[in-house]
């Protein structure tokens, strides 16, 4: 999707809880076996201590709005994504968030697209801005907590380790400090991606037994999912670059921010899908957060606002994906301010 008119990122924020779940917890609970499993990195990830996803999302939106010098009541669109939701909080998460923020007259939308949810929420907000001139300010936010899983979040650290937190991005009409040049999403319907790693186990904390490994058919289907994930990544990168009038070898492309997945999975399925000239420019930002569920893409935009400076003619790619499988790629250029 080409962005013909100026839509920019005016601010972004990352909200992380103070608590942590550590790899030591996983060894103690028997989720990982010392000497048998590959030592995970990072060795700790943020964990909530009872904070709800909406509490974290509201905190991220408030911080992003404060950085933009705007109030919640200024928002015309609020797009909220999440991945994990159980129990009484299953119903109406976007409206609970809207109430917590007191957004008033605002179109509030819920976006569910697994781990690509944050990118999808941004796409929804951008599309609304492009289609309706009356929408001047929008926010995309994603939040997830894996607290109920405890140390089981370390079940297969070669694929991902889930971290709890929220990320929000405020979009304005006009270039903002980061101008969005293009955004492309792709998908392919197939089996789950998590079982693609051979080491996947379903150990429960406190048990000594190991479930039967997945069947050969299941593993083949899952490997197909991981391979299709790579195909989707290759396609969204190619099309997003084309929509932005760029090529992979353009020296002005300075950085490619990757989804916050584990290094073995990234090296096996993500990096090989990138055009050769981009691989040395690609990395996982802020790995200490772990994989933030639906929030990786928005957290990576926050990282870019906090740590990167684009000069005239330079560009940044934010790449994301999720189970299903889906993938998104955004191309940013320097804006104003």
Protein backbone atom coordinates (compact mmCIF):
# COMPACT_ATOMS: atom_id res chain seq x y z
CA UNK A 1 0.00 0.00 0.00
CA UNK A 2 1.51 3.26 -1.11
CA UNK A 3 0.95 6.14 1.29
CA UNK A 4 0.31 8.97 -1.18
CA UNK A 5 -0.48 11.62 1.43
CA UNK A 6 1.56 12.39 4.48
CA UNK A 7 0.82 10.15 7.46
CA UNK A 8 3.42 10.25 10.15
CA UNK A 9 4.40 8.85 13.52
CA UNK A 10 4.31 11.74 15.95
CA UNK A 11 5.23 9.68 19.03
CA UNK A 12 5.45 6.17 20.46
CA UNK A 13 5.75 4.55 23.88
CA UNK A 14 6.65 1.20 25.43
CA UNK A 15 5.15 0.15 28.79
CA UNK A 16 6.80 -2.79 30.60
CA UNK A 17 5.90 -4.21 34.03
CA UNK A 18 8.53 -4.22 36.75
CA UNK A 19 8.39 -7.96 37.45
CA UNK A 20 10.35 -10.64 35.61
CA UNK A 21 10.14 -14.32 34.74
CA UNK A 22 13.59 -15.89 34.50
CA UNK A 23 15.08 -18.90 32.79
CA UNK A 24 16.00 -20.10 36.28
CA UNK A 25 12.28 -20.38 36.99
CA UNK A 26 11.95 -22.61 33.92
CA UNK A 27 14.76 -24.91 35.10
CA UNK A 28 13.31 -25.13 38.61
CA UNK A 29 9.86 -25.99 37.26
CA UNK A 30 11.20 -28.59 34.84
CA UNK A 31 10.12 -26.72 31.74
CA UNK A 32 13.77 -26.69 30.66
CA UNK A 33 16.41 -29.31 31.48
CA UNK A 34 19.94 -28.14 32.26
CA UNK A 35 22.45 -29.68 29.88
CA UNK A 36 19.73 -30.78 27.47
CA UNK A 37 18.20 -27.53 26.29
CA UNK A 38 19.92 -24.71 24.46
CA UNK A 39 20.53 -21.89 26.99
CA UNK A 40 17.94 -19.23 26.16
CA UNK A 41 18.71 -15.61 25.46
CA UNK A 42 17.53 -13.37 27.01
CA UNK A 43 17.61 -15.03 30.42
CA UNK A 44 14.69 -12.98 31.78
CA UNK A 45 11.64 -11.25 30.35
CA UNK A 46 9.13 -8.76 31.79
CA UNK A 47 6.22 -10.30 33.68
CA UNK A 48 3.10 -8.67 35.03
CA UNK A 49 2.16 -8.86 38.69
CA UNK A 50 -1.57 -8.71 38.19
CA UNK A 51 -1.68 -5.78 35.74
CA UNK A 52 -4.29 -6.38 33.04
CA UNK A 53 -3.56 -5.96 29.33
CA UNK A 54 -5.82 -2.88 29.26
CA UNK A 55 -3.95 -1.34 32.19
CA UNK A 56 -0.68 -1.69 30.28
CA UNK A 57 -2.23 -0.50 27.02
CA UNK A 58 -3.66 2.57 28.71
CA UNK A 59 -0.25 3.35 30.19
CA UNK A 60 1.42 3.10 26.78
CA UNK A 61 -1.19 5.30 25.08
CA UNK A 62 -0.99 7.93 27.82
CA UNK A 63 2.81 8.09 27.53
CA UNK A 64 2.66 8.34 23.73
CA UNK A 65 0.01 11.08 23.86
CA UNK A 66 2.00 13.00 26.48
CA UNK A 67 5.08 12.85 24.23
CA UNK A 68 2.94 14.22 21.39
CA UNK A 69 1.53 16.99 23.58
CA UNK A 70 -2.01 15.74 22.93
CA UNK A 71 -4.91 14.59 25.09
CA UNK A 72 -6.86 11.33 24.86
CA UNK A 73 -9.92 13.33 23.85
CA UNK A 74 -8.08 14.45 20.69
CA UNK A 75 -8.04 10.91 19.27
CA UNK A 76 -10.35 10.21 16.34
CA UNK A 77 -9.41 6.52 16.03
CA UNK A 78 -8.06 4.05 18.60
CA UNK A 79 -7.10 0.61 17.24
CA UNK A 80 -6.26 -1.98 19.90
CA UNK A 81 -4.65 -5.38 19.28
CA UNK A 82 -4.04 -8.33 21.59
CA UNK A 83 -3.09 -11.99 21.29
CA UNK A 84 -3.86 -13.77 24.57
CA UNK A 85 -7.19 -13.26 26.29
CA UNK A 86 -9.00 -15.62 28.67
CA UNK A 87 -11.52 -15.46 31.51
CA UNK A 88 -13.76 -12.48 32.22
CA UNK A 89 -11.46 -10.14 30.27
CA UNK A 90 -12.32 -11.96 27.03
CA UNK A 91 -15.15 -9.56 26.23
CA UNK A 92 -14.96 -5.99 24.88
CA UNK A 93 -11.25 -5.23 25.52
CA UNK A 94 -11.26 -2.16 23.22
CA UNK A 95 -14.11 -0.52 25.09
CA UNK A 96 -12.59 -1.18 28.50
CA UNK A 97 -9.43 0.49 27.19
CA UNK A 98 -11.41 3.42 25.80
CA UNK A 99 -13.15 3.88 29.14
CA UNK A 100 -9.85 3.77 31.01
CA UNK A 101 -8.49 6.50 28.72
CA UNK A 102 -11.69 8.60 28.63
CA UNK A 103 -11.30 9.05 24.88
CA UNK A 104 -14.82 10.42 24.41
CA UNK A 105 -15.97 10.75 20.79
CA UNK A 106 -13.59 8.27 19.18
CA UNK A 107 -13.94 5.30 16.86
CA UNK A 108 -12.60 2.41 18.95
CA UNK A 109 -11.64 -0.79 17.12
CA UNK A 110 -10.41 -4.20 18.21
CA UNK A 111 -7.89 -5.96 15.96
CA UNK A 112 -7.05 -9.64 16.40
CA UNK A 113 -4.37 -11.07 14.11
CA UNK A 114 -2.21 -13.06 16.49
CA UNK A 115 1.37 -11.81 16.76
CA UNK A 116 0.95 -9.51 13.77
CA UNK A 117 -1.86 -7.69 15.58
CA UNK A 118 0.03 -4.49 16.34
CA UNK A 119 1.04 -4.07 12.69
CA UNK A 120 -2.55 -4.81 11.67
CA UNK A 121 -3.86 -2.20 14.14
CA UNK A 122 -1.50 0.36 12.65
CA UNK A 123 -2.69 -0.58 9.17
CA UNK A 124 -6.33 -0.13 10.23
CA UNK A 125 -5.57 3.31 11.69
CA UNK A 126 -3.58 4.42 8.64
CA UNK A 127 -6.27 3.20 6.25
CA UNK A 128 -8.92 5.14 8.15
CA UNK A 129 -6.78 8.27 7.95
CA UNK A 130 -6.25 7.86 4.21
CA UNK A 131 -9.94 7.24 3.57
CA UNK A 132 -11.40 10.01 5.75
CA UNK A 133 -9.94 13.53 5.90
CA UNK A 134 -11.84 14.19 9.13
CA UNK A 135 -9.55 11.81 11.02
CA UNK A 136 -6.64 13.92 12.19
CA UNK A 137 -5.13 11.89 15.03
CA UNK A 138 -5.10 8.12 15.59
CA UNK A 139 -3.41 5.66 17.91
CA UNK A 140 -2.52 2.00 17.47
CA UNK A 141 -1.76 0.03 20.62
CA UNK A 142 -1.05 -3.60 21.47
CA UNK A 143 -0.69 -5.35 24.80
CA UNK A 144 -0.37 -8.90 26.09
CA UNK A 145 0.44 -10.74 29.29
CA UNK A 146 1.59 -14.33 29.52
CA UNK A 147 1.51 -14.30 33.32
CA UNK A 148 -0.97 -17.16 33.57
CA UNK A 149 1.48 -19.42 31.72
CA UNK A 150 4.20 -18.83 34.31
CA UNK A 151 7.49 -20.45 33.38
CA UNK A 152 5.81 -22.30 30.50
CA UNK A 153 6.58 -19.21 28.43
CA UNK A 154 10.04 -20.80 28.13
CA UNK A 155 8.65 -24.01 26.56
CA UNK A 156 10.58 -23.51 23.36
CA UNK A 157 13.09 -20.67 23.61
CA UNK A 158 14.46 -21.53 20.15
CA UNK A 159 11.27 -20.01 18.70
CA UNK A 160 10.27 -17.31 21.17
CA UNK A 161 9.97 -16.38 24.81
CA UNK A 162 6.89 -14.30 25.54
CA UNK A 163 7.40 -11.04 27.42
CA UNK A 164 4.58 -8.98 28.97
CA UNK A 165 4.03 -5.36 28.01
CA UNK A 166 2.34 -2.82 25.76
CA UNK A 167 3.39 -0.51 22.95
CA UNK A 168 1.54 2.41 21.39
CA UNK A 169 2.07 4.63 18.36
CA UNK A 170 0.33 7.98 17.74
CA UNK A 171 -0.26 8.88 14.09
CA UNK A 172 -0.82 12.36 12.75
CA UNK A 173 -1.85 13.88 9.44
CA UNK A 174 1.40 15.28 8.13
CA UNK A 175 4.88 13.76 8.09
CA UNK A 176 5.58 13.81 11.84
CA UNK A 177 9.10 12.90 12.98
CA UNK A 178 8.77 9.63 11.01
CA UNK A 179 6.88 9.57 7.73
CA UNK A 180 5.24 6.31 6.66
CA UNK A 181 6.02 5.69 2.97
CA UNK A 182 4.42 2.28 2.48
CA UNK A 183 2.82 -0.62 4.33
CA UNK A 184 2.16 -4.11 2.96
CA UNK A 185 0.60 -7.16 4.64
CA UNK A 186 0.36 -10.73 3.36
CA UNK A 187 -0.96 -14.02 4.69
CA UNK A 188 -1.13 -17.75 4.00
CA UNK A 189 -3.54 -20.10 5.76
CA UNK A 190 -1.74 -23.13 7.15
CA UNK A 191 -0.98 -25.06 10.31
CA UNK A 192 0.47 -23.53 13.47
CA UNK A 193 4.02 -22.24 13.35
CA UNK A 194 5.12 -22.95 16.91
CA UNK A 195 5.60 -26.69 16.41
CA UNK A 196 8.15 -26.14 13.65
CA UNK A 197 11.05 -26.30 16.08
CA UNK A 198 12.11 -29.86 16.89
CA UNK A 199 12.56 -29.07 20.56
CA UNK A 200 8.96 -28.07 21.22
CA UNK A 201 7.64 -29.69 24.39
CA UNK A 202 4.51 -29.37 26.46
CA UNK A 203 5.99 -29.90 29.90
CA UNK A 204 3.95 -28.45 32.70
CA UNK A 205 5.64 -26.93 35.76
CA UNK A 206 6.05 -29.43 38.57
CA UNK A 207 5.73 -32.57 36.43
CA UNK A 208 8.39 -35.10 35.54
CA UNK A 209 6.77 -36.54 32.44
CA UNK A 210 7.35 -35.42 28.88
CA UNK A 211 4.42 -35.71 26.43
CA UNK A 212 4.79 -37.68 23.23
CA UNK A 213 6.49 -35.65 20.53
CA UNK A 214 4.35 -34.30 17.69
CA UNK A 215 3.63 -36.74 14.87
CA UNK A 216 5.72 -36.65 11.72
CA UNK A 217 2.71 -35.30 9.83
CA UNK A 218 2.27 -32.54 12.38
CA UNK A 219 5.92 -31.58 12.19
CA UNK A 220 5.80 -31.50 8.38
CA UNK A 221 2.73 -29.24 8.47
CA UNK A 222 4.42 -26.98 11.00
CA UNK A 223 7.63 -26.79 9.00
CA UNK A 224 5.50 -25.84 6.00
CA UNK A 225 4.01 -23.03 8.12
CA UNK A 226 7.46 -21.73 9.02
CA UNK A 227 8.53 -21.89 5.38
CA UNK A 228 5.40 -20.03 4.27
CA UNK A 229 6.17 -17.47 6.96
CA UNK A 230 9.45 -16.84 5.17
CA UNK A 231 7.67 -16.56 1.82
CA UNK A 232 5.26 -13.98 3.24
CA UNK A 233 8.18 -12.01 4.64
CA UNK A 234 9.95 -12.02 1.28
CA UNK A 235 6.79 -10.84 -0.50
CA UNK A 236 5.93 -8.02 1.91
CA UNK A 237 9.49 -6.69 1.83
CA UNK A 238 9.62 -6.73 -1.97
CA UNK A 239 6.23 -5.04 -2.34
CA UNK A 240 6.76 -2.48 0.41
CA UNK A 241 10.06 -1.43 -1.15
CA UNK A 242 8.43 -1.21 -4.56
CA UNK A 243 5.58 0.89 -3.19
CA UNK A 244 8.12 3.25 -1.61
CA UNK A 245 10.07 3.51 -4.88
CA UNK A 246 13.08 1.68 -3.42
CA UNK A 247 15.19 -1.37 -4.14
CA UNK A 248 16.84 -3.70 -1.64
CA UNK A 249 20.30 -2.48 -2.64
CA UNK A 250 19.48 1.18 -2.04
CA UNK A 251 22.25 2.49 0.24
CA UNK A 252 19.74 4.82 1.91
CA UNK A 253 18.10 1.86 3.68
CA UNK A 254 19.93 1.98 6.99
CA UNK A 255 18.05 -0.42 9.29
CA UNK A 256 15.65 -3.37 9.22
CA UNK A 257 13.97 -4.08 12.56
CA UNK A 258 12.85 -7.70 12.92
CA UNK A 259 10.10 -9.33 15.01
CA UNK A 260 11.30 -10.09 18.53
CA UNK A 261 11.61 -13.83 18.09
CA UNK A 262 14.42 -16.10 19.25
CA UNK A 263 17.72 -16.06 17.39
CA UNK A 264 17.55 -19.68 16.11
CA UNK A 265 14.15 -19.08 14.50
CA UNK A 266 15.18 -15.71 13.10
CA UNK A 267 18.35 -17.19 11.62
CA UNK A 268 16.53 -20.19 10.14
CA UNK A 269 13.40 -18.59 8.72
CA UNK A 270 13.48 -14.78 8.82
CA UNK A 271 16.93 -13.66 7.70
CA UNK A 272 17.08 -16.05 4.70
CA UNK A 273 13.81 -14.52 3.46
CA UNK A 274 15.34 -11.05 3.24
CA UNK A 275 17.05 -9.78 0.10
CA UNK A 276 20.81 -10.20 0.47
CA UNK A 277 21.64 -6.48 0.74
CA UNK A 278 19.31 -6.10 3.74
CA UNK A 279 20.53 -8.98 5.90
CA UNK A 280 23.48 -7.15 7.42
CA UNK A 281 21.18 -4.24 8.30
CA UNK A 282 18.63 -6.42 10.10
CA UNK A 283 18.49 -7.11 13.83
CA UNK A 284 16.16 -7.76 16.76
CA UNK A 285 15.84 -4.57 18.81
CA UNK A 286 15.65 -4.59 22.61
CA UNK A 287 15.82 -8.40 22.97
CA UNK A 288 15.41 -8.03 26.75
CA UNK A 289 11.65 -7.56 26.22
CA UNK A 290 11.18 -11.00 24.74
CA UNK A 291 8.45 -11.50 22.16
CA UNK A 292 5.67 -9.04 23.07
CA UNK A 293 2.81 -11.03 21.56
CA UNK A 294 0.94 -8.65 19.28
CA UNK A 295 3.21 -5.74 20.20
CA UNK A 296 6.53 -6.34 18.44
CA UNK A 297 5.93 -4.03 15.47
CA UNK A 298 4.74 -1.09 17.57
CA UNK A 299 7.57 -1.64 20.06
CA UNK A 300 10.03 -1.54 17.17
CA UNK A 301 8.62 1.78 16.02
CA UNK A 302 9.09 3.04 19.57
CA UNK A 303 12.69 1.78 19.45
CA UNK A 304 13.25 3.66 16.20
CA UNK A 305 11.88 6.90 17.65
CA UNK A 306 14.08 6.52 20.73
CA UNK A 307 17.32 5.36 19.15
CA UNK A 308 17.50 6.05 15.42
CA UNK A 309 17.92 9.24 13.43
CA UNK A 310 17.14 9.23 9.72
CA UNK A 311 18.73 11.83 7.51
CA UNK A 312 17.33 13.00 4.19
CA UNK A 313 17.24 10.13 1.72
CA UNK A 314 17.48 7.44 4.39
CA UNK A 315 14.85 4.80 5.14
CA UNK A 316 13.93 2.34 7.87
CA UNK A 317 12.06 -0.96 7.50
CA UNK A 318 9.95 -2.47 10.29
CA UNK A 319 9.20 -6.11 9.60
CA UNK A 320 6.72 -8.25 11.51
CA UNK A 321 4.86 -11.53 11.33
CA UNK A 322 2.72 -13.97 13.22
CA UNK A 323 1.01 -17.28 13.39
CA UNK A 324 -1.61 -17.98 10.79
CA UNK A 325 0.64 -17.09 8.98
CA UNK A 326 0.85 -13.35 8.36
CA UNK A 327 3.56 -10.79 7.73
CA UNK A 328 3.78 -7.01 7.42
CA UNK A 329 6.46 -4.57 6.31
CA UNK A 330 6.50 -0.81 6.84
CA UNK A 331 8.89 1.64 5.21
CA UNK A 332 9.62 4.90 7.03
CA UNK A 333 11.44 8.03 5.93
CA UNK A 334 12.48 11.10 7.93
CA UNK A 335 9.66 13.54 8.57
CA UNK A 336 9.62 16.82 10.41
CA UNK A 337 10.30 17.59 14.04
